């Protein structure tokens, strides 16, 4: 089974960033592709930049809201559709 993940090399040990789905003492083959920037550097850079700006959605008019309500309103409760889809599987 092939798995791809990032890892950190620190103090002579290569540590995967996530838990691997492998039995203990498994022998694996590793190919190293260095991205040139350490995870620590990426985190520091991201913290300096701060979070990306959040775009506030433009408000919709009452007319458009009523139009959308007509389009998406049904007589059947949405839960019935969900149950029907789940039972079909």
N, C-alpha and C. Protein backbone atom coordinates (compact mmCIF):
# COMPACT_ATOMS: atom_id res chain seq x y z
N UNK A 1 0.85 -1.17 0.00
CA UNK A 1 0.00 0.00 0.00
C UNK A 1 0.89 1.24 0.00
N UNK A 2 0.67 2.16 -0.94
CA UNK A 2 1.45 3.39 -1.01
C UNK A 2 0.78 4.47 -0.18
N UNK A 3 1.61 5.23 0.53
CA UNK A 3 1.13 6.36 1.31
C UNK A 3 2.07 7.53 1.04
N UNK A 4 1.54 8.71 0.99
CA UNK A 4 2.36 9.90 0.84
C UNK A 4 2.06 10.82 2.00
N UNK A 5 3.10 11.33 2.65
CA UNK A 5 2.93 12.25 3.75
C UNK A 5 4.16 13.12 3.85
N UNK A 6 4.09 14.17 4.61
CA UNK A 6 5.27 14.98 4.88
C UNK A 6 5.89 14.49 6.17
N UNK A 7 7.15 14.81 6.35
CA UNK A 7 7.86 14.40 7.56
C UNK A 7 8.84 15.49 7.95
N UNK A 8 9.26 15.45 9.19
CA UNK A 8 10.23 16.39 9.73
C UNK A 8 11.50 15.62 10.10
N UNK A 9 12.64 16.11 9.64
CA UNK A 9 13.92 15.50 10.00
C UNK A 9 14.51 16.34 11.11
N UNK A 10 14.69 15.73 12.28
CA UNK A 10 15.15 16.47 13.45
C UNK A 10 15.98 15.54 14.33
N UNK A 11 17.15 15.98 14.70
CA UNK A 11 18.05 15.21 15.57
C UNK A 11 18.31 13.81 15.02
N UNK A 12 18.47 13.70 13.70
CA UNK A 12 18.79 12.43 13.09
C UNK A 12 17.62 11.47 12.94
N UNK A 13 16.41 11.94 13.21
CA UNK A 13 15.22 11.07 13.12
C UNK A 13 14.23 11.70 12.15
N UNK A 14 13.67 10.88 11.28
CA UNK A 14 12.65 11.32 10.34
C UNK A 14 11.28 11.00 10.96
N UNK A 15 10.50 12.04 11.30
CA UNK A 15 9.19 11.84 11.93
C UNK A 15 8.08 12.21 10.97
N UNK A 16 7.18 11.26 10.63
CA UNK A 16 6.04 11.59 9.76
C UNK A 16 5.13 12.60 10.45
N UNK A 17 4.50 13.46 9.65
CA UNK A 17 3.61 14.48 10.19
C UNK A 17 2.29 13.89 10.67
N UNK A 18 1.95 12.69 10.20
CA UNK A 18 0.71 12.02 10.59
C UNK A 18 1.02 10.58 10.97
N UNK A 19 0.12 9.93 11.65
CA UNK A 19 0.27 8.52 11.98
C UNK A 19 0.14 7.69 10.70
N UNK A 20 1.07 6.77 10.52
CA UNK A 20 1.05 5.93 9.32
C UNK A 20 0.29 4.65 9.58
N UNK A 21 -0.40 4.17 8.57
CA UNK A 21 -1.17 2.94 8.68
C UNK A 21 -0.24 1.77 8.33
N UNK A 22 0.64 1.43 9.28
CA UNK A 22 1.63 0.37 9.08
C UNK A 22 1.74 -0.48 10.34
N UNK A 23 1.96 -1.78 10.18
CA UNK A 23 2.23 -2.60 11.35
C UNK A 23 3.61 -2.24 11.92
N UNK A 24 3.78 -2.45 13.21
CA UNK A 24 5.07 -2.19 13.86
C UNK A 24 6.18 -2.98 13.16
N UNK A 25 7.35 -2.39 13.08
CA UNK A 25 8.56 -3.00 12.51
C UNK A 25 8.44 -3.27 11.02
N UNK A 26 7.53 -2.56 10.33
CA UNK A 26 7.40 -2.72 8.87
C UNK A 26 8.63 -2.13 8.19
N UNK A 27 9.08 -2.79 7.15
CA UNK A 27 10.16 -2.25 6.36
C UNK A 27 9.54 -1.46 5.22
N UNK A 28 9.99 -0.23 5.03
CA UNK A 28 9.44 0.63 4.00
C UNK A 28 10.56 1.19 3.13
N UNK A 29 10.21 1.66 1.96
CA UNK A 29 11.16 2.34 1.08
C UNK A 29 10.79 3.81 1.08
N UNK A 30 11.79 4.68 1.27
CA UNK A 30 11.53 6.11 1.38
C UNK A 30 12.22 6.84 0.24
N UNK A 31 11.51 7.74 -0.42
CA UNK A 31 12.08 8.64 -1.41
C UNK A 31 11.99 10.04 -0.83
N UNK A 32 13.08 10.75 -0.80
CA UNK A 32 13.12 12.08 -0.19
C UNK A 32 12.99 13.15 -1.27
N UNK A 33 12.02 14.03 -1.10
CA UNK A 33 11.84 15.21 -1.96
C UNK A 33 11.83 16.40 -1.01
N UNK A 34 12.92 17.12 -0.94
CA UNK A 34 12.99 18.27 -0.04
C UNK A 34 12.33 19.47 -0.70
N UNK A 35 11.45 20.14 0.04
CA UNK A 35 10.79 21.30 -0.53
C UNK A 35 11.55 22.58 -0.23
N UNK A 36 12.69 22.45 0.44
CA UNK A 36 13.55 23.61 0.66
C UNK A 36 13.16 24.49 1.83
N UNK A 37 11.95 24.37 2.33
CA UNK A 37 11.51 25.19 3.45
C UNK A 37 10.98 24.29 4.54
N UNK A 38 11.47 24.49 5.75
CA UNK A 38 11.05 23.64 6.85
C UNK A 38 9.63 24.00 7.28
N UNK A 39 8.98 23.04 7.92
CA UNK A 39 7.63 23.28 8.44
C UNK A 39 7.67 24.42 9.44
N UNK A 40 8.69 24.46 10.26
CA UNK A 40 8.83 25.53 11.25
C UNK A 40 8.87 26.89 10.55
N UNK A 41 9.61 26.97 9.43
CA UNK A 41 9.70 28.23 8.68
C UNK A 41 8.35 28.61 8.10
N UNK A 42 7.63 27.61 7.58
CA UNK A 42 6.31 27.87 7.01
C UNK A 42 5.36 28.41 8.08
N UNK A 43 5.40 27.80 9.26
CA UNK A 43 4.52 28.23 10.35
C UNK A 43 4.87 29.66 10.76
N UNK A 44 6.15 29.94 10.90
CA UNK A 44 6.57 31.29 11.28
C UNK A 44 6.12 32.32 10.25
N UNK A 45 6.28 31.97 8.97
CA UNK A 45 5.87 32.88 7.90
C UNK A 45 4.36 33.10 7.93
N UNK A 46 3.60 32.03 8.14
CA UNK A 46 2.14 32.14 8.19
C UNK A 46 1.70 32.99 9.37
N UNK A 47 2.37 32.84 10.51
CA UNK A 47 1.99 33.63 11.68
C UNK A 47 2.30 35.11 11.46
N UNK A 48 3.39 35.39 10.76
CA UNK A 48 3.73 36.79 10.48
C UNK A 48 2.73 37.41 9.53
N UNK A 49 2.28 36.63 8.54
CA UNK A 49 1.34 37.15 7.56
C UNK A 49 -0.06 37.32 8.15
N UNK A 50 -0.40 36.49 9.12
CA UNK A 50 -1.74 36.54 9.68
C UNK A 50 -2.72 35.80 8.80
N UNK A 51 -3.95 35.66 9.25
CA UNK A 51 -4.94 34.93 8.46
C UNK A 51 -5.33 35.73 7.22
N UNK A 52 -5.76 35.03 6.17
CA UNK A 52 -6.20 35.75 4.97
C UNK A 52 -7.44 36.57 5.28
N UNK A 53 -7.61 37.68 4.58
CA UNK A 53 -8.79 38.51 4.85
C UNK A 53 -10.08 37.76 4.51
N UNK A 54 -11.09 38.00 5.31
CA UNK A 54 -12.39 37.34 5.10
C UNK A 54 -13.27 38.28 4.28
N UNK A 55 -13.78 37.76 3.18
CA UNK A 55 -14.68 38.56 2.36
C UNK A 55 -16.08 38.43 2.93
N UNK A 56 -16.69 39.55 3.19
CA UNK A 56 -18.07 39.51 3.67
C UNK A 56 -18.99 39.44 2.46
N UNK A 57 -19.93 38.50 2.50
CA UNK A 57 -20.82 38.38 1.35
C UNK A 57 -21.70 39.62 1.22
N UNK A 58 -21.98 39.97 -0.02
CA UNK A 58 -22.85 41.13 -0.22
C UNK A 58 -24.28 40.70 0.12
N UNK A 59 -25.02 41.57 0.79
CA UNK A 59 -26.39 41.21 1.15
C UNK A 59 -27.26 41.09 -0.10
N UNK A 60 -28.25 40.22 -0.02
CA UNK A 60 -29.16 40.07 -1.15
C UNK A 60 -30.44 40.84 -0.85
N UNK A 61 -31.10 41.23 -1.90
CA UNK A 61 -32.33 42.00 -1.73
C UNK A 61 -33.46 41.10 -1.24
N UNK A 62 -34.48 41.72 -0.70
CA UNK A 62 -35.65 40.96 -0.24
C UNK A 62 -36.33 40.26 -1.41
N UNK A 63 -36.31 40.88 -2.59
CA UNK A 63 -36.92 40.28 -3.76
C UNK A 63 -36.17 39.00 -4.15
N UNK A 64 -34.83 39.07 -4.15
CA UNK A 64 -34.02 37.90 -4.50
C UNK A 64 -34.19 36.80 -3.46
N UNK A 65 -34.28 37.19 -2.19
CA UNK A 65 -34.48 36.21 -1.12
C UNK A 65 -35.81 35.47 -1.32
N UNK A 66 -36.86 36.19 -1.69
CA UNK A 66 -38.17 35.57 -1.94
C UNK A 66 -38.11 34.65 -3.16
N UNK A 67 -37.38 35.09 -4.19
CA UNK A 67 -37.22 34.26 -5.39
C UNK A 67 -36.50 32.96 -5.06
N UNK A 68 -35.45 33.03 -4.27
CA UNK A 68 -34.71 31.82 -3.87
C UNK A 68 -35.57 30.91 -2.99
N UNK A 69 -36.36 31.51 -2.14
CA UNK A 69 -37.25 30.71 -1.27
C UNK A 69 -38.23 29.90 -2.12
N UNK A 70 -38.75 30.50 -3.18
CA UNK A 70 -39.67 29.77 -4.07
C UNK A 70 -38.96 28.62 -4.77
N UNK A 71 -37.72 28.86 -5.19
CA UNK A 71 -36.97 27.84 -5.92
C UNK A 71 -36.67 26.64 -5.03
N UNK A 72 -36.27 26.90 -3.79
CA UNK A 72 -35.77 25.82 -2.93
C UNK A 72 -36.79 25.29 -1.92
N UNK A 73 -38.01 25.81 -1.94
CA UNK A 73 -39.03 25.31 -1.02
C UNK A 73 -39.77 24.14 -1.65
N UNK A 74 -39.94 23.07 -0.87
CA UNK A 74 -40.69 21.90 -1.34
C UNK A 74 -41.70 21.52 -0.26
N UNK A 75 -42.68 20.73 -0.67
CA UNK A 75 -43.67 20.27 0.30
C UNK A 75 -43.13 19.13 1.15
N UNK A 76 -42.13 18.42 0.61
CA UNK A 76 -41.55 17.29 1.33
C UNK A 76 -40.41 17.78 2.21
N UNK A 77 -40.41 17.42 3.51
CA UNK A 77 -39.31 17.82 4.38
C UNK A 77 -37.98 17.23 3.89
N UNK A 78 -36.91 17.97 4.05
CA UNK A 78 -35.61 17.53 3.56
C UNK A 78 -35.18 16.21 4.21
N UNK A 79 -35.58 15.98 5.45
CA UNK A 79 -35.25 14.72 6.12
C UNK A 79 -35.76 13.50 5.38
N UNK A 80 -36.92 13.64 4.73
CA UNK A 80 -37.47 12.53 3.95
C UNK A 80 -36.57 12.20 2.76
N UNK A 81 -36.05 13.23 2.11
CA UNK A 81 -35.13 13.01 1.00
C UNK A 81 -33.85 12.31 1.48
N UNK A 82 -33.36 12.73 2.62
CA UNK A 82 -32.13 12.13 3.17
C UNK A 82 -32.36 10.66 3.49
N UNK A 83 -33.48 10.36 4.16
CA UNK A 83 -33.78 8.96 4.50
C UNK A 83 -33.95 8.12 3.23
N UNK A 84 -34.63 8.67 2.25
CA UNK A 84 -34.84 7.96 0.99
C UNK A 84 -33.51 7.65 0.31
N UNK A 85 -32.62 8.61 0.29
CA UNK A 85 -31.31 8.40 -0.32
C UNK A 85 -30.51 7.36 0.47
N UNK A 86 -30.56 7.44 1.79
CA UNK A 86 -29.81 6.51 2.65
C UNK A 86 -30.36 5.10 2.49
N UNK A 87 -31.68 4.93 2.44
CA UNK A 87 -32.28 3.61 2.31
C UNK A 87 -32.00 2.97 0.94
N UNK A 88 -31.76 3.80 -0.07
CA UNK A 88 -31.50 3.30 -1.41
C UNK A 88 -30.09 2.70 -1.52
N UNK A 89 -29.23 3.01 -0.58
CA UNK A 89 -27.84 2.51 -0.66
C UNK A 89 -27.72 1.12 -0.20
